[in-house]
Amino acid sequence: MKTINKILGAAFFLTLAVGANAQNGWNWGEQIDIAKEKNVLYTDAKNAKNFKSAVPPLEWLLENTPDLNPSIYINGAKIYQALGKKEKDAAKKESYIQRGLELHDKRIEYYPEDKADIMDRKSIYAYGFYSKTKEKYPYLYEVYSEAFELNGANMNSGNLVAYMNVVYKYRFSGGDLSDEQVIEIYSAISDALEKQKSRVSGDNKKKYDNMMGNVDKLLTATGVEISCTFVEEKLGPKLDEGNDLNMAKKIFGLMLKGKCLDSPLALKAAGIVQDNEPTFGVAKFMAQKNGQDGNDAKAIEYFQEAAGLTDDNGEKAEMYVNIARIQMKNGQKSTARNSARRALSFDPSYKDAYKLIADLYMGSFDDCKQEQSQVQDRAIFIAAYNEYRKAGNSSGMAAAKAQFPSIEDIFNEGKQEGESLTIGCWINVTVALERRPAN
């Protein structure tokens, strides 16, 4: 029994010793007291911003207890980063920078499960020092490519923008990147930012819009030629596999930049985007494209949808004038005027609506004349003039006024200037009689 107790007691004290060595994720090694002392010394020096004094105890820990805790690598990188920023001597500065990069790699060696996060941090560290050093662009591109491959949409959002900047810098420094490769990287970065944007709400989304705008500018700055054929042949078939929203957004964005909007693929991609994430801009594009293709019913449907997707009354008015133009083209004069008046209900100052109504009146003389009274028939031009005046259209006003009843017609029919005349037909408005100018 005593023998068993001795064995159990030894096991208990061994457990305590092991626990003391590795408590709370700290592996102090064989020289526990020294390791703890070194840890206190370097952290105190770091917190006091006495970074050079932090180096000797830190390096002792890195050599003698390399798996002590991830903190020695995290703090170590910060220490060498601070030293690198302050150092004026180029050689010493570079040695500090390189040591910081080595610590990221050493951390991966001992804590490989954190590799993705460490590579994200390493790329940020490297960018901070090398983003303006041309000979380091190939290295930066290599580091960022690996970091993005590991992290994807989980990469630091600002670092995603930095990645696109690295691509731009690397390409212009002579890096071997084809247009197709640049576009593929841009697309992947855009997708990652879109996914991150979908995880936030409110004003936070604006931050992502700004970042995506910067990524777009960097794509343009790379000087790549966005080929419509490339987008159609390389990305188009992916939409045939299913209505993938992210792919549709990517295709539509690239076609917008490449001015490929006449392609049927642009309309298809925009349709998928609009079905899933309706916006005023895409609805307007869909309406215009369908109108160009002669699909008037669809065009009107999308113009109405666009009007419902904006709070800007001027944009609402614009959409209803576009609807009125389609209806006017198809001979639906009364309906077209109703649409124009709907536009004016949103924006009473929208001049295009008044001009459209005036054009409708000017084009209705032959349809509405009864050939019983020159004065009555020509009163339609007075109605057109009044609308042109509201539109501020001087040429239209002059053209309409030239068709007013003559003073002779007014006198011969026993009428007087200024009296009210009601125009029938589909127009059904009342005007004050005026004569046309004398030649």
Protein backbone atom coordinates (compact mmCIF):
# COMPACT_ATOMS: atom_id res chain seq x y z
CA MET A 1 0.00 0.00 0.00
CA LYS A 2 2.87 2.36 0.93
CA THR A 3 4.51 1.60 -2.39
CA ILE A 4 1.32 2.50 -4.26
CA ASN A 5 1.02 5.75 -2.30
CA LYS A 6 4.62 6.66 -3.16
CA ILE A 7 3.94 6.04 -6.83
CA LEU A 8 0.74 8.13 -6.73
CA GLY A 9 2.55 10.88 -4.83
CA ALA A 10 5.35 10.98 -7.36
CA ALA A 11 2.84 11.14 -10.18
CA PHE A 12 1.03 14.01 -8.45
CA PHE A 13 4.20 16.08 -8.06
CA LEU A 14 5.22 15.28 -11.64
CA THR A 15 1.82 16.57 -12.79
CA LEU A 16 2.36 19.76 -10.82
CA ALA A 17 5.77 20.24 -12.38
CA VAL A 18 4.42 19.72 -15.90
CA GLY A 19 1.54 22.07 -15.12
CA ALA A 20 3.94 24.71 -13.86
CA ASN A 21 5.96 24.36 -17.05
CA ALA A 22 2.98 24.73 -19.39
CA GLN A 23 0.28 26.47 -17.41
CA ASN A 24 -2.24 28.45 -19.38
CA GLY A 25 -0.51 27.72 -22.69
CA TRP A 26 2.96 28.77 -21.50
CA ASN A 27 5.79 26.32 -22.03
CA TRP A 28 8.61 27.69 -19.84
CA GLY A 29 11.13 24.99 -20.72
CA GLU A 30 13.75 23.65 -18.33
CA GLN A 31 14.99 27.00 -17.01
CA ILE A 32 11.66 28.19 -15.68
CA ASP A 33 12.88 30.99 -13.42
CA ILE A 34 15.22 32.47 -16.01
CA ALA A 35 12.56 32.24 -18.71
CA LYS A 36 10.03 34.03 -16.52
CA GLU A 37 12.57 36.70 -15.67
CA LYS A 38 13.45 37.25 -19.35
CA ASN A 39 9.76 37.45 -20.20
CA VAL A 40 9.22 40.18 -17.58
CA LEU A 41 12.32 42.08 -18.72
CA TYR A 42 11.43 42.21 -22.42
CA THR A 43 7.72 42.99 -21.88
CA ASP A 44 8.53 45.78 -19.41
CA ALA A 45 11.02 47.26 -21.86
CA LYS A 46 8.50 47.00 -24.70
CA ASN A 47 5.74 48.66 -22.68
CA ALA A 48 8.18 51.45 -21.79
CA LYS A 49 8.98 51.77 -25.54
CA ASN A 50 12.61 50.98 -24.76
CA PHE A 51 12.75 48.63 -27.71
CA LYS A 52 16.50 48.13 -27.93
CA SER A 53 16.60 46.99 -24.30
CA ALA A 54 13.83 44.52 -25.07
CA VAL A 55 15.90 42.72 -27.70
CA PRO A 56 18.42 40.72 -25.54
CA PRO A 57 15.84 39.07 -23.22
CA LEU A 58 13.50 38.53 -26.18
CA GLU A 59 16.19 36.84 -28.23
CA TRP A 60 17.11 34.62 -25.24
CA LEU A 61 13.49 33.43 -25.11
CA LEU A 62 13.35 32.89 -28.86
CA GLU A 63 16.48 30.74 -28.70
CA ASN A 64 15.83 28.81 -25.49
CA THR A 65 12.01 28.62 -25.37
CA PRO A 66 10.86 28.94 -29.00
CA ASP A 67 7.47 27.42 -28.18
CA LEU A 68 6.99 29.45 -25.00
CA ASN A 69 3.85 31.23 -26.24
CA PRO A 70 2.73 32.97 -29.46
CA SER A 71 3.13 36.30 -27.66
CA ILE A 72 6.92 36.27 -28.03
CA TYR A 73 6.48 36.31 -31.80
CA ILE A 74 3.63 38.81 -31.78
CA ASN A 75 5.45 41.19 -29.46
CA GLY A 76 8.77 40.45 -31.10
CA ALA A 77 7.45 41.54 -34.49
CA LYS A 78 6.13 44.75 -32.93
CA ILE A 79 9.51 45.44 -31.31
CA TYR A 80 11.45 44.99 -34.55
CA GLN A 81 8.82 46.96 -36.45
CA ALA A 82 9.29 49.88 -34.05
CA LEU A 83 13.08 49.63 -34.32
CA GLY A 84 12.88 49.50 -38.11
CA LYS A 85 10.70 52.61 -38.28
CA LYS A 86 13.09 54.65 -36.13
CA GLU A 87 16.41 53.45 -37.53
CA LYS A 88 18.18 55.84 -39.93
CA ASP A 89 21.04 53.57 -40.95
CA ALA A 90 19.87 51.66 -44.02
CA ALA A 91 21.70 48.41 -43.20
CA LYS A 92 20.51 48.29 -39.60
CA LYS A 93 17.00 49.23 -40.65
CA GLU A 94 16.89 46.34 -43.10
CA SER A 95 18.22 43.91 -40.48
CA TYR A 96 15.42 44.91 -38.10
CA ILE A 97 12.81 44.54 -40.86
CA GLN A 98 14.12 41.12 -41.83
CA ARG A 99 14.16 39.92 -38.24
CA GLY A 100 10.53 40.93 -37.87
CA LEU A 101 9.64 38.99 -41.01
CA GLU A 102 11.58 35.98 -39.70
CA LEU A 103 9.54 36.04 -36.50
CA HIS A 104 6.34 35.73 -38.52
CA ASP A 105 7.81 32.67 -40.24
CA LYS A 106 9.00 31.21 -36.92
CA ARG A 107 5.55 31.68 -35.45
CA ILE A 108 4.10 29.71 -38.36
CA GLU A 109 6.69 26.99 -37.71
CA TYR A 110 5.64 26.57 -34.08
CA TYR A 111 1.94 27.44 -34.44
CA PRO A 112 0.99 26.26 -37.93
CA GLU A 113 -2.72 26.21 -37.07
CA ASP A 114 -2.59 30.04 -37.14
CA LYS A 115 -0.83 30.29 -40.51
CA ALA A 116 -3.62 32.17 -42.32
CA ASP A 117 -3.83 34.91 -39.71
CA ILE A 118 -0.04 35.14 -39.42
CA MET A 119 0.38 35.53 -43.20
CA ASP A 120 -2.24 38.28 -43.17
CA ARG A 121 -0.22 40.07 -40.48
CA LYS A 122 3.06 39.40 -42.24
CA SER A 123 1.81 40.98 -45.45
CA ILE A 124 0.69 44.09 -43.54
CA TYR A 125 4.11 44.25 -41.86
CA ALA A 126 5.95 43.91 -45.17
CA TYR A 127 3.72 46.44 -46.92
CA GLY A 128 4.42 49.01 -44.21
CA PHE A 129 8.12 48.93 -45.04
CA TYR A 130 8.30 47.97 -48.71
CA SER A 131 5.27 49.55 -50.41
CA LYS A 132 7.50 52.27 -51.90
CA THR A 133 10.57 50.13 -52.57
CA LYS A 134 10.53 49.01 -56.20
CA GLU A 135 13.00 46.14 -55.81
CA LYS A 136 10.76 44.65 -53.10
CA TYR A 137 7.59 44.56 -55.22
CA PRO A 138 8.15 40.95 -56.35
CA TYR A 139 8.53 39.91 -52.71
CA LEU A 140 5.40 41.82 -51.70
CA TYR A 141 3.45 40.22 -54.53
CA GLU A 142 4.58 36.76 -53.38
CA VAL A 143 3.65 37.42 -49.75
CA TYR A 144 0.25 38.91 -50.61
CA SER A 145 -0.59 36.13 -53.03
CA GLU A 146 0.01 33.53 -50.33
CA ALA A 147 -1.85 35.54 -47.69
CA PHE A 148 -4.88 35.93 -49.96
CA GLU A 149 -4.82 32.27 -50.96
CA LEU A 150 -4.99 31.32 -47.27
CA ASN A 151 -7.52 33.93 -46.15
CA GLY A 152 -9.75 34.83 -49.08
CA ALA A 153 -12.75 36.81 -47.82
CA ASN A 154 -11.35 36.64 -44.27
CA MET A 155 -8.34 38.78 -45.17
CA ASN A 156 -8.15 42.16 -43.45
CA SER A 157 -10.34 44.50 -45.53
CA GLY A 158 -7.73 47.26 -45.80
CA ASN A 159 -5.19 44.63 -46.71
CA LEU A 160 -7.35 43.56 -49.66
CA VAL A 161 -7.02 47.06 -51.08
CA ALA A 162 -3.29 46.93 -50.37
CA TYR A 163 -3.11 43.64 -52.31
CA MET A 164 -4.57 45.32 -55.38
CA ASN A 165 -2.07 48.15 -54.96
CA VAL A 166 0.73 45.59 -54.80
CA VAL A 167 -0.56 44.05 -58.04
CA TYR A 168 -0.52 47.50 -59.65
CA LYS A 169 3.01 48.28 -58.42
CA TYR A 170 4.38 44.84 -59.29
CA ARG A 171 3.01 44.99 -62.82
CA PHE A 172 4.43 48.46 -63.45
CA SER A 173 7.82 47.48 -62.07
CA GLY A 174 8.08 44.83 -64.78
CA GLY A 175 6.36 41.95 -63.00
CA ASP A 176 5.13 39.17 -65.24
CA LEU A 177 1.37 39.59 -64.89
CA SER A 178 -0.90 39.28 -67.90
CA ASP A 179 -4.09 41.31 -68.31
CA GLU A 180 -6.06 38.15 -67.65
CA GLN A 181 -4.21 37.47 -64.38
CA VAL A 182 -4.73 41.03 -63.18
CA ILE A 183 -8.44 40.84 -63.94
CA GLU A 184 -8.75 37.50 -62.16
CA ILE A 185 -7.03 38.88 -59.03
CA TYR A 186 -9.18 42.01 -59.18
CA SER A 187 -12.30 39.88 -59.44
CA ALA A 188 -11.28 37.74 -56.46
CA ILE A 189 -10.53 40.83 -54.34
CA SER A 190 -13.86 42.40 -55.34
CA ASP A 191 -15.69 39.23 -54.39
CA ALA A 192 -13.96 39.17 -51.00
CA LEU A 193 -14.91 42.79 -50.28
CA GLU A 194 -18.51 42.11 -51.36
CA LYS A 195 -18.73 39.18 -48.97
CA GLN A 196 -17.36 41.30 -46.13
CA LYS A 197 -19.80 44.08 -46.99
CA SER A 198 -22.70 41.62 -46.73
CA ARG A 199 -21.71 40.91 -43.11
CA VAL A 200 -22.12 44.51 -41.96
CA SER A 201 -24.98 46.99 -41.87
CA GLY A 202 -25.72 50.69 -41.96
CA ASP A 203 -22.94 53.20 -42.41
CA ASN A 204 -20.34 50.43 -42.27
CA LYS A 205 -21.35 49.48 -45.80
CA LYS A 206 -20.14 52.88 -47.04
CA LYS A 207 -16.63 51.98 -45.91
CA TYR A 208 -16.69 48.97 -48.19
CA ASP A 209 -18.10 51.01 -51.07
CA ASN A 210 -15.12 53.36 -50.72
CA MET A 211 -12.66 50.46 -50.63
CA MET A 212 -14.23 48.86 -53.70
CA GLY A 213 -14.01 52.22 -55.43
CA ASN A 214 -10.28 52.32 -54.68
CA VAL A 215 -9.84 48.78 -56.00
CA ASP A 216 -11.67 49.80 -59.19
CA LYS A 217 -9.34 52.79 -59.62
CA LEU A 218 -6.30 50.58 -59.14
CA LEU A 219 -7.56 48.18 -61.82
CA THR A 220 -7.84 51.11 -64.21
CA ALA A 221 -4.37 52.31 -63.17
CA THR A 222 -2.81 48.96 -64.10
CA GLY A 223 -3.62 49.77 -67.70
CA VAL A 224 -5.18 46.39 -68.41
CA GLU A 225 -7.34 46.15 -71.47
CA ILE A 226 -10.64 44.62 -70.48
CA SER A 227 -11.55 42.61 -73.51
CA CYS A 228 -15.23 41.96 -74.09
CA THR A 229 -14.21 38.69 -75.71
CA PHE A 230 -12.23 37.67 -72.62
CA VAL A 231 -15.21 38.30 -70.34
CA GLU A 232 -17.61 36.51 -72.68
CA GLU A 233 -15.40 33.49 -73.28
CA LYS A 234 -13.81 33.06 -69.85
CA LEU A 235 -16.56 34.17 -67.50
CA GLY A 236 -19.73 33.93 -69.57
CA PRO A 237 -19.93 30.12 -69.44
CA LYS A 238 -19.88 30.26 -65.64
CA LEU A 239 -23.30 31.94 -65.70
CA ASP A 240 -24.59 29.04 -67.76
CA GLU A 241 -23.80 26.80 -64.78
CA GLY A 242 -26.29 28.69 -62.64
CA ASN A 243 -27.40 32.19 -61.71
CA ASP A 244 -24.46 32.89 -59.43
CA LEU A 245 -24.87 36.42 -58.03
CA ASN A 246 -21.19 37.10 -57.35
CA MET A 247 -20.21 35.93 -60.81
CA ALA A 248 -22.97 38.04 -62.35
CA LYS A 249 -21.77 41.12 -60.43
CA LYS A 250 -18.21 40.46 -61.51
CA ILE A 251 -19.19 40.09 -65.17
CA PHE A 252 -21.42 43.15 -65.17
CA GLY A 253 -18.76 45.26 -63.44
CA LEU A 254 -16.07 44.23 -65.91
CA MET A 255 -18.34 44.79 -68.89
CA LEU A 256 -19.21 48.21 -67.55
CA LYS A 257 -15.51 49.08 -67.32
CA GLY A 258 -14.76 47.51 -70.70
CA LYS A 259 -17.70 49.31 -72.35
CA CYS A 260 -19.14 45.96 -73.39
CA LEU A 261 -22.73 46.84 -72.51
CA ASP A 262 -24.04 46.00 -75.96
CA SER A 263 -23.24 42.35 -75.28
CA PRO A 264 -26.24 40.11 -74.47
CA LEU A 265 -24.12 38.79 -71.59
CA ALA A 266 -24.20 42.23 -69.96
CA LEU A 267 -28.00 42.18 -69.98
CA LYS A 268 -28.08 38.64 -68.63
CA ALA A 269 -25.66 39.42 -65.82
CA ALA A 270 -27.48 42.65 -64.95
CA GLY A 271 -30.76 40.74 -64.78
CA ILE A 272 -29.35 38.32 -62.22
CA VAL A 273 -27.95 41.19 -60.17
CA GLN A 274 -31.24 43.07 -60.30
CA ASP A 275 -33.27 40.03 -59.30
CA ASN A 276 -31.14 39.53 -56.20
CA GLU A 277 -29.96 43.01 -55.24
CA PRO A 278 -32.19 45.54 -57.02
CA THR A 279 -30.74 49.03 -57.47
CA PHE A 280 -31.77 52.14 -59.36
CA GLY A 281 -28.69 52.10 -61.61
CA VAL A 282 -29.02 48.53 -62.79
CA ALA A 283 -32.78 48.86 -63.28
CA LYS A 284 -32.16 51.94 -65.44
CA PHE A 285 -29.59 50.03 -67.51
CA MET A 286 -32.01 47.12 -67.95
CA ALA A 287 -34.71 49.53 -69.09
CA GLN A 288 -32.45 51.32 -71.57
CA LYS A 289 -31.05 48.07 -72.98
CA ASN A 290 -34.51 46.55 -73.44
CA GLY A 291 -35.66 49.77 -75.07
CA GLN A 292 -32.75 49.64 -77.53
CA ASP A 293 -33.61 46.04 -78.33
CA GLY A 294 -37.24 46.91 -79.02
CA ASN A 295 -38.61 45.22 -75.89
CA ASP A 296 -40.82 48.17 -74.98
CA ALA A 297 -42.95 46.42 -72.37
CA LYS A 298 -39.86 45.23 -70.51
CA ALA A 299 -38.26 48.65 -70.81
CA ILE A 300 -41.30 50.33 -69.25
CA GLU A 301 -41.36 47.70 -66.50
CA TYR A 302 -37.74 48.40 -65.57
CA PHE A 303 -38.13 52.20 -65.79
CA GLN A 304 -41.01 51.89 -63.31
CA GLU A 305 -38.90 49.65 -61.10
CA ALA A 306 -36.03 52.14 -61.23
CA ALA A 307 -38.36 54.98 -60.21
CA GLY A 308 -39.35 52.95 -57.16
CA LEU A 309 -35.72 52.37 -56.18
CA THR A 310 -34.66 56.00 -55.77
CA ASP A 311 -35.57 58.75 -53.34
CA ASP A 312 -34.41 61.42 -55.77
CA ASN A 313 -37.46 63.10 -57.33
CA GLY A 314 -35.41 64.24 -60.31
CA GLU A 315 -34.47 60.63 -61.07
CA LYS A 316 -38.09 59.54 -60.66
CA ALA A 317 -39.14 62.25 -63.13
CA GLU A 318 -36.47 61.13 -65.57
CA MET A 319 -37.75 57.55 -65.49
CA TYR A 320 -41.34 58.57 -66.24
CA VAL A 321 -40.28 60.82 -69.10
CA ASN A 322 -38.41 57.83 -70.54
CA ILE A 323 -41.62 55.82 -70.25
CA ALA A 324 -43.52 58.64 -71.95
CA ARG A 325 -41.05 58.64 -74.85
CA ILE A 326 -41.67 54.94 -75.49
CA GLN A 327 -45.42 55.50 -75.39
CA MET A 328 -45.12 58.52 -77.66
CA LYS A 329 -43.10 56.47 -80.15
CA ASN A 330 -45.86 53.87 -80.18
CA GLY A 331 -48.58 56.48 -80.84
CA GLN A 332 -50.02 56.34 -77.31
CA LYS A 333 -50.33 60.09 -77.01
CA SER A 334 -52.74 60.40 -74.13
CA THR A 335 -50.90 57.70 -72.16
CA ALA A 336 -47.58 59.38 -72.89
CA ARG A 337 -48.90 62.68 -71.58
CA ASN A 338 -50.11 60.96 -68.41
CA SER A 339 -46.60 59.59 -67.87
CA ALA A 340 -45.08 63.03 -68.45
CA ARG A 341 -47.51 64.53 -65.95
CA ARG A 342 -46.55 61.78 -63.50
CA ALA A 343 -42.95 62.92 -63.94
CA LEU A 344 -44.00 66.49 -63.14
CA SER A 345 -45.77 65.30 -60.00
CA PHE A 346 -42.33 64.30 -58.71
CA ASP A 347 -40.43 67.30 -60.05
CA PRO A 348 -42.56 70.24 -61.30
CA SER A 349 -39.43 71.87 -62.73
CA TYR A 350 -38.48 68.92 -64.95
CA LYS A 351 -38.29 70.65 -68.35
CA ASP A 352 -38.08 67.51 -70.47
CA ALA A 353 -41.60 66.58 -69.36
CA TYR A 354 -43.03 69.89 -70.56
CA LYS A 355 -41.17 69.61 -73.86
CA LEU A 356 -42.49 66.10 -74.42
CA ILE A 357 -46.07 67.24 -73.87
CA ALA A 358 -45.45 70.15 -76.24
CA ASP A 359 -44.06 67.76 -78.88
CA LEU A 360 -47.16 65.59 -78.47
CA TYR A 361 -49.41 68.60 -79.15
CA MET A 362 -47.32 69.78 -82.09
CA GLY A 363 -47.57 66.34 -83.66
CA SER A 364 -51.33 66.05 -83.21
CA PHE A 365 -52.59 68.76 -85.56
CA ASP A 366 -53.46 66.38 -88.36
CA ASP A 367 -55.10 63.95 -85.95
CA CYS A 368 -57.20 66.54 -84.16
CA LYS A 369 -58.13 69.15 -86.80
CA GLN A 370 -61.81 69.23 -87.77
CA GLU A 371 -61.34 71.64 -90.73
CA GLN A 372 -64.37 73.69 -89.72
CA SER A 373 -62.47 76.56 -88.07
CA GLN A 374 -58.89 77.62 -88.68
CA VAL A 375 -58.86 79.36 -85.32
CA GLN A 376 -60.14 76.33 -83.45
CA ASP A 377 -57.85 73.89 -85.25
CA ARG A 378 -54.76 76.06 -84.81
CA ALA A 379 -55.43 76.59 -81.12
CA ILE A 380 -53.54 73.31 -80.63
CA PHE A 381 -50.32 75.20 -81.42
CA ILE A 382 -51.11 77.67 -78.63
CA ALA A 383 -51.32 74.71 -76.25
CA ALA A 384 -47.95 73.47 -77.56
CA TYR A 385 -46.46 76.95 -77.15
CA ASN A 386 -47.55 77.11 -73.53
CA GLU A 387 -45.76 73.83 -72.78
CA TYR A 388 -42.61 74.86 -74.66
CA ARG A 389 -42.57 78.04 -72.59
CA LYS A 390 -42.67 76.03 -69.36
CA ALA A 391 -39.78 73.99 -70.74
CA GLY A 392 -37.82 77.15 -71.56
CA ASN A 393 -37.50 75.90 -75.15
CA SER A 394 -37.24 79.03 -77.31
CA SER A 395 -36.96 77.22 -80.64
CA GLY A 396 -40.08 75.20 -79.88
CA MET A 397 -41.92 78.34 -78.81
CA ALA A 398 -41.00 80.06 -82.08
CA ALA A 399 -42.08 77.05 -84.17
CA ALA A 400 -45.41 76.81 -82.38
CA LYS A 401 -46.11 80.55 -82.52
CA ALA A 402 -45.53 80.57 -86.25
CA GLN A 403 -48.56 78.25 -86.53
CA PHE A 404 -50.94 80.35 -84.42
CA PRO A 405 -54.15 81.59 -86.12
CA SER A 406 -53.65 84.72 -88.22
CA ILE A 407 -55.27 88.03 -87.26
CA GLU A 408 -57.39 87.70 -90.40
CA ASP A 409 -58.69 84.28 -89.33
CA ILE A 410 -59.53 85.62 -85.89
CA PHE A 411 -61.34 88.66 -87.35
CA ASN A 412 -63.18 86.68 -90.01
CA GLU A 413 -64.48 84.18 -87.44
CA GLY A 414 -65.65 86.95 -85.14
CA LYS A 415 -63.33 86.03 -82.30
CA GLN A 416 -61.11 88.16 -80.10
CA GLU A 417 -57.59 87.73 -78.80
CA GLY A 418 -57.53 86.62 -75.19
CA GLU A 419 -60.81 84.75 -75.26
CA SER A 420 -60.80 81.14 -74.06
CA LEU A 421 -60.78 78.27 -76.49
CA THR A 422 -61.19 74.64 -75.47
CA ILE A 423 -59.30 72.12 -77.57
CA GLY A 424 -61.04 68.80 -77.92
CA CYS A 425 -59.65 65.57 -79.30
CA TRP A 426 -57.45 63.69 -76.76
CA ILE A 427 -55.85 66.98 -75.66
CA ASN A 428 -58.86 68.57 -73.90
CA VAL A 429 -57.22 71.76 -72.58
CA THR A 430 -58.31 75.40 -72.61
CA VAL A 431 -56.06 78.18 -73.93
CA ALA A 432 -56.22 81.95 -74.41
CA LEU A 433 -56.48 82.89 -78.07
CA GLU A 434 -53.38 84.54 -79.56
CA ARG A 435 -52.46 85.49 -83.12
CA ARG A 436 -49.28 84.60 -84.91
CA PRO A 437 -46.69 87.31 -85.52
CA ALA A 438 -46.99 89.29 -88.71
CA ASN A 439 -44.45 88.46 -91.40
